[in-house]
């Protein structure tokens, strides 16, 4: 077993190898906050917070039965990034002078605004909340990471503010459930928190019921009998500049 821990203020990932009782840190420019995304507005209240990597989600196992993709993003950002877990588990990668600095990828398109936590189910569908409007969305990782492929599951300006906890839970029947913790975090940051209002909520629903009629459920046709996650399709564009990528058919793994 390996554990991947987001260091929100240290701008890195702590990797824990449970069997060997070892751990190491990986840092990368994509784990840092973006100054232009450091202002948050929720329910009409604004605050500044330069938090780095926070949201993380593991994909289902790849066909080799070993590797996964780790999706992640900084809180003060609107981008989404992806890295194969085999790279994170390779402690020597940190000291390899020939290591490819572009092994950790950023998707070309972005969210409309910031998101906190995220999670992915066994079918490669990611769930995340947006700050404005306060809402929960899904994205099928077999499609391009693009607002065109983000689909709203729920919206409520009062009860879905700041989804700081998003988890996929297997119930006793083996069914997947989406659990979401929301809070009035903006009131904490602006020192306006009041016990006269409900400030923390836990939401839960079965995945099947959530996406029964959602476009997220309908993924593109599988190619050659295997599910091709869109993370496979990110390739550097010609004349690479500042982390800009286009979509192609070549896997980076």
Protein backbone atom coordinates (compact mmCIF):
# COMPACT_ATOMS: atom_id res chain seq x y z
CA UNK A 1 0.00 0.00 0.00
CA UNK A 2 1.03 3.55 -0.74
CA UNK A 3 -0.44 6.72 0.74
CA UNK A 4 -0.38 10.05 -1.14
CA UNK A 5 -0.71 13.11 1.11
CA UNK A 6 -1.22 16.65 -0.20
CA UNK A 7 0.94 19.26 1.55
CA UNK A 8 -1.20 22.34 0.98
CA UNK A 9 1.26 24.84 2.47
CA UNK A 10 4.48 23.04 1.50
CA UNK A 11 3.36 22.69 -2.14
CA UNK A 12 4.20 19.01 -2.56
CA UNK A 13 3.03 15.41 -2.23
CA UNK A 14 4.21 13.16 0.60
CA UNK A 15 4.43 9.54 -0.57
CA UNK A 16 4.30 6.86 2.12
CA UNK A 17 5.45 3.31 1.35
CA UNK A 18 3.61 1.41 4.09
CA UNK A 19 5.36 -1.95 3.56
CA UNK A 20 8.88 -0.49 3.79
CA UNK A 21 7.95 2.13 6.40
CA UNK A 22 9.49 4.86 4.25
CA UNK A 23 8.29 8.20 2.95
CA UNK A 24 9.52 10.93 0.62
CA UNK A 25 8.36 14.26 -0.79
CA UNK A 26 7.77 15.25 -4.40
CA UNK A 27 7.44 18.91 -5.32
CA UNK A 28 6.52 20.39 -8.68
CA UNK A 29 5.54 23.81 -10.05
CA UNK A 30 1.98 22.55 -10.72
CA UNK A 31 1.51 21.98 -6.98
CA UNK A 32 1.92 25.68 -6.21
CA UNK A 33 -0.95 28.22 -6.02
CA UNK A 34 -1.66 30.61 -8.88
CA UNK A 35 -1.63 34.24 -7.66
CA UNK A 36 -4.38 35.15 -10.13
CA UNK A 37 -6.63 32.50 -8.58
CA UNK A 38 -6.01 33.38 -4.94
CA UNK A 39 -9.22 35.37 -4.43
CA UNK A 40 -12.36 33.39 -3.62
CA UNK A 41 -15.95 34.65 -3.63
CA UNK A 42 -18.66 32.54 -1.98
CA UNK A 43 -22.16 33.72 -1.13
CA UNK A 44 -21.14 37.31 -1.82
CA UNK A 45 -18.15 37.23 0.56
CA UNK A 46 -14.58 37.41 -0.76
CA UNK A 47 -11.28 36.41 0.81
CA UNK A 48 -7.70 35.72 -0.30
CA UNK A 49 -6.02 32.35 0.26
CA UNK A 50 -2.86 31.16 -1.47
CA UNK A 51 -3.18 27.42 -0.80
CA UNK A 52 -1.32 24.93 -2.95
CA UNK A 53 -2.14 21.31 -3.80
CA UNK A 54 -5.31 20.16 -2.08
CA UNK A 55 -7.68 18.16 -4.29
CA UNK A 56 -6.52 14.65 -5.27
CA UNK A 57 -8.26 11.67 -6.89
CA UNK A 58 -6.99 8.22 -7.89
CA UNK A 59 -8.16 6.63 -11.13
CA UNK A 60 -9.13 2.94 -11.40
CA UNK A 61 -6.28 0.52 -12.03
CA UNK A 62 -4.86 0.49 -15.54
CA UNK A 63 -4.87 -2.64 -17.68
CA UNK A 64 -1.53 -3.72 -16.19
CA UNK A 65 -3.28 -4.10 -12.82
CA UNK A 66 -0.60 -2.01 -11.11
CA UNK A 67 -0.61 1.62 -12.12
CA UNK A 68 -3.17 4.39 -11.59
CA UNK A 69 -3.35 8.06 -12.46
CA UNK A 70 -3.32 10.60 -9.66
CA UNK A 71 -5.31 13.70 -10.56
CA UNK A 72 -4.60 16.78 -8.46
CA UNK A 73 -4.89 20.56 -8.31
CA UNK A 74 -3.99 23.47 -6.06
CA UNK A 75 -6.84 25.16 -4.22
CA UNK A 76 -5.81 28.55 -5.63
CA UNK A 77 -6.07 27.38 -9.24
CA UNK A 78 -8.54 26.43 -11.94
CA UNK A 79 -6.33 23.84 -13.64
CA UNK A 80 -6.24 20.04 -13.27
CA UNK A 81 -3.06 17.97 -13.40
CA UNK A 82 -2.29 14.27 -13.69
CA UNK A 83 0.67 11.99 -12.95
CA UNK A 84 1.07 8.18 -13.08
CA UNK A 85 1.44 6.75 -9.60
CA UNK A 86 4.38 4.65 -10.80
CA UNK A 87 6.36 7.89 -11.03
CA UNK A 88 5.38 8.95 -7.51
CA UNK A 89 6.31 5.52 -6.13
CA UNK A 90 9.79 5.73 -7.70
CA UNK A 91 11.85 7.32 -4.94
CA UNK A 92 14.93 7.43 -7.19
CA UNK A 93 13.04 9.66 -9.63
CA UNK A 94 13.73 12.56 -7.30
CA UNK A 95 17.45 12.15 -7.80
CA UNK A 96 17.47 11.22 -11.49
CA UNK A 97 19.13 14.01 -13.46
CA UNK A 98 17.58 12.60 -16.64
CA UNK A 99 14.02 12.63 -15.28
CA UNK A 100 11.53 14.25 -17.63
CA UNK A 101 10.35 17.51 -16.02
CA UNK A 102 7.15 17.21 -18.07
CA UNK A 103 6.17 13.81 -16.63
CA UNK A 104 3.56 15.58 -14.55
CA UNK A 105 0.98 16.97 -16.97
CA UNK A 106 -1.51 19.82 -16.89
CA UNK A 107 -4.72 19.69 -18.92
CA UNK A 108 -5.08 22.43 -21.52
CA UNK A 109 -8.54 23.61 -20.44
CA UNK A 110 -9.63 24.83 -17.01
CA UNK A 111 -12.56 24.92 -14.61
CA UNK A 112 -14.75 28.05 -14.57
CA UNK A 113 -13.52 28.78 -11.01
CA UNK A 114 -11.82 27.12 -8.07
CA UNK A 115 -12.60 23.69 -6.62
CA UNK A 116 -11.48 22.12 -3.35
CA UNK A 117 -11.69 18.33 -2.95
CA UNK A 118 -12.35 15.74 -5.65
CA UNK A 119 -12.80 11.97 -5.92
CA UNK A 120 -13.11 9.36 -8.69
CA UNK A 121 -15.33 6.27 -8.74
CA UNK A 122 -14.53 2.80 -10.04
CA UNK A 123 -15.71 3.75 -13.53
CA UNK A 124 -13.35 6.71 -13.90
CA UNK A 125 -15.92 9.43 -13.21
CA UNK A 126 -14.62 12.36 -11.15
CA UNK A 127 -16.75 14.37 -8.73
CA UNK A 128 -15.92 17.88 -7.49
CA UNK A 129 -17.53 21.04 -6.19
CA UNK A 130 -17.28 24.54 -7.64
CA UNK A 131 -17.12 27.71 -5.56
CA UNK A 132 -19.50 29.71 -7.74
CA UNK A 133 -22.21 28.78 -7.95
CA UNK A 134 -21.92 26.36 -4.99
CA UNK A 135 -22.54 23.06 -6.74
CA UNK A 136 -21.38 19.48 -7.36
CA UNK A 137 -20.23 18.37 -10.80
CA UNK A 138 -19.01 15.23 -12.56
CA UNK A 139 -16.52 14.60 -15.35
CA UNK A 140 -15.92 11.32 -17.17
CA UNK A 141 -12.16 10.86 -17.47
CA UNK A 142 -12.62 9.08 -20.80
CA UNK A 143 -13.46 12.51 -22.27
CA UNK A 144 -11.46 15.72 -22.60
CA UNK A 145 -11.06 17.72 -19.42
CA UNK A 146 -13.17 20.64 -20.55
CA UNK A 147 -16.18 22.64 -19.30
CA UNK A 148 -18.01 21.07 -22.25
CA UNK A 149 -17.73 17.73 -20.45
CA UNK A 150 -18.47 18.96 -16.91
CA UNK A 151 -22.03 18.10 -15.89
CA UNK A 152 -23.91 19.50 -12.93
CA UNK A 153 -25.30 17.02 -10.41
CA UNK A 154 -26.58 19.40 -7.74
CA UNK A 155 -26.66 23.13 -7.01
CA UNK A 156 -27.63 24.97 -3.83
CA UNK A 157 -26.20 28.33 -2.83
CA UNK A 158 -26.73 27.68 0.87
CA UNK A 159 -26.03 23.98 1.44
CA UNK A 160 -23.26 23.25 -1.10
CA UNK A 161 -20.81 26.01 -0.22
CA UNK A 162 -17.11 25.01 -0.24
CA UNK A 163 -17.08 21.23 -0.75
CA UNK A 164 -13.90 20.56 1.22
CA UNK A 165 -14.48 16.81 1.56
CA UNK A 166 -15.43 14.57 -1.38
CA UNK A 167 -15.24 10.80 -0.93
CA UNK A 168 -16.38 7.64 -2.72
CA UNK A 169 -17.60 5.13 -0.12
CA UNK A 170 -18.57 1.49 -0.65
CA UNK A 171 -21.63 0.61 1.44
CA UNK A 172 -22.34 -2.81 2.94
CA UNK A 173 -24.04 -3.91 -0.28
CA UNK A 174 -20.96 -3.06 -2.35
CA UNK A 175 -22.68 -0.03 -3.89
CA UNK A 176 -20.70 3.17 -4.35
CA UNK A 177 -21.88 6.32 -2.58
CA UNK A 178 -20.72 9.92 -2.92
CA UNK A 179 -20.16 11.67 0.43
CA UNK A 180 -19.58 15.42 0.46
CA UNK A 181 -18.67 17.69 3.39
CA UNK A 182 -19.54 21.36 2.85
CA UNK A 183 -18.96 24.37 5.08
CA UNK A 184 -19.37 28.13 5.30
CA UNK A 185 -15.62 28.52 4.98
CA UNK A 186 -15.93 32.08 3.72
CA UNK A 187 -17.44 33.06 7.08
CA UNK A 188 -14.43 31.59 8.85
CA UNK A 189 -12.05 33.55 6.64
CA UNK A 190 -13.99 36.82 7.03
CA UNK A 191 -14.61 36.33 10.77
CA UNK A 192 -18.39 36.35 10.31
CA UNK A 193 -19.12 32.79 11.49
CA UNK A 194 -22.31 32.65 13.55
CA UNK A 195 -23.81 29.82 15.57
CA UNK A 196 -27.25 31.07 14.51
CA UNK A 197 -26.74 29.49 11.08
CA UNK A 198 -25.91 25.95 10.01
CA UNK A 199 -22.29 26.11 8.85
CA UNK A 200 -21.32 22.44 8.30
CA UNK A 201 -23.20 19.73 6.43
CA UNK A 202 -22.62 16.14 5.30
CA UNK A 203 -24.36 15.02 2.09
CA UNK A 204 -24.57 11.46 0.75
CA UNK A 205 -26.17 9.73 -2.21
CA UNK A 206 -25.69 6.52 -4.17
CA UNK A 207 -23.60 7.00 -7.32
CA UNK A 208 -26.12 5.05 -9.39
CA UNK A 209 -28.90 7.46 -8.46
CA UNK A 210 -26.72 10.53 -9.00
CA UNK A 211 -25.63 9.78 -12.54
CA UNK A 212 -28.51 7.63 -13.80
CA UNK A 213 -29.56 10.37 -16.23
CA UNK A 214 -26.24 12.22 -16.44
CA UNK A 215 -24.07 12.47 -19.57
CA UNK A 216 -21.14 11.48 -17.32
CA UNK A 217 -22.45 7.92 -17.38
CA UNK A 218 -22.14 7.66 -21.14
CA UNK A 219 -18.44 7.37 -21.96
CA UNK A 220 -17.01 7.20 -25.49
CA UNK A 221 -16.84 3.77 -27.05
CA UNK A 222 -13.97 1.67 -25.73
CA UNK A 223 -11.07 1.17 -28.07
CA UNK A 224 -9.70 -2.32 -28.58
CA UNK A 225 -11.66 -3.53 -25.56
CA UNK A 226 -9.87 -1.26 -23.08
CA UNK A 227 -10.99 1.88 -21.30
CA UNK A 228 -8.74 4.69 -22.51
CA UNK A 229 -8.65 7.44 -19.94
CA UNK A 230 -8.12 10.90 -21.33
CA UNK A 231 -4.96 11.26 -19.24
CA UNK A 232 -3.37 8.93 -21.79
CA UNK A 233 -4.00 11.40 -24.56
CA UNK A 234 -2.07 14.43 -23.37
CA UNK A 235 0.97 15.03 -25.56
CA UNK A 236 3.27 18.08 -25.72
CA UNK A 237 2.38 20.43 -28.54
CA UNK A 238 4.96 21.52 -31.06
CA UNK A 239 6.92 24.49 -29.90
CA UNK A 240 6.12 23.72 -26.26
CA UNK A 241 5.57 26.87 -24.22
CA UNK A 242 4.63 27.35 -20.59
CA UNK A 243 2.94 23.99 -20.08
CA UNK A 244 0.53 24.28 -23.01
CA UNK A 245 -0.63 20.91 -24.37
CA UNK A 246 -2.79 19.63 -27.18
CA UNK A 247 -4.70 16.38 -27.36
CA UNK A 248 -3.30 13.51 -29.38
CA UNK A 249 -3.36 9.75 -29.56
CA UNK A 250 0.03 9.02 -28.00
CA UNK A 251 0.26 7.87 -24.40
CA UNK A 252 2.89 9.45 -22.16
CA UNK A 253 3.19 6.24 -20.09
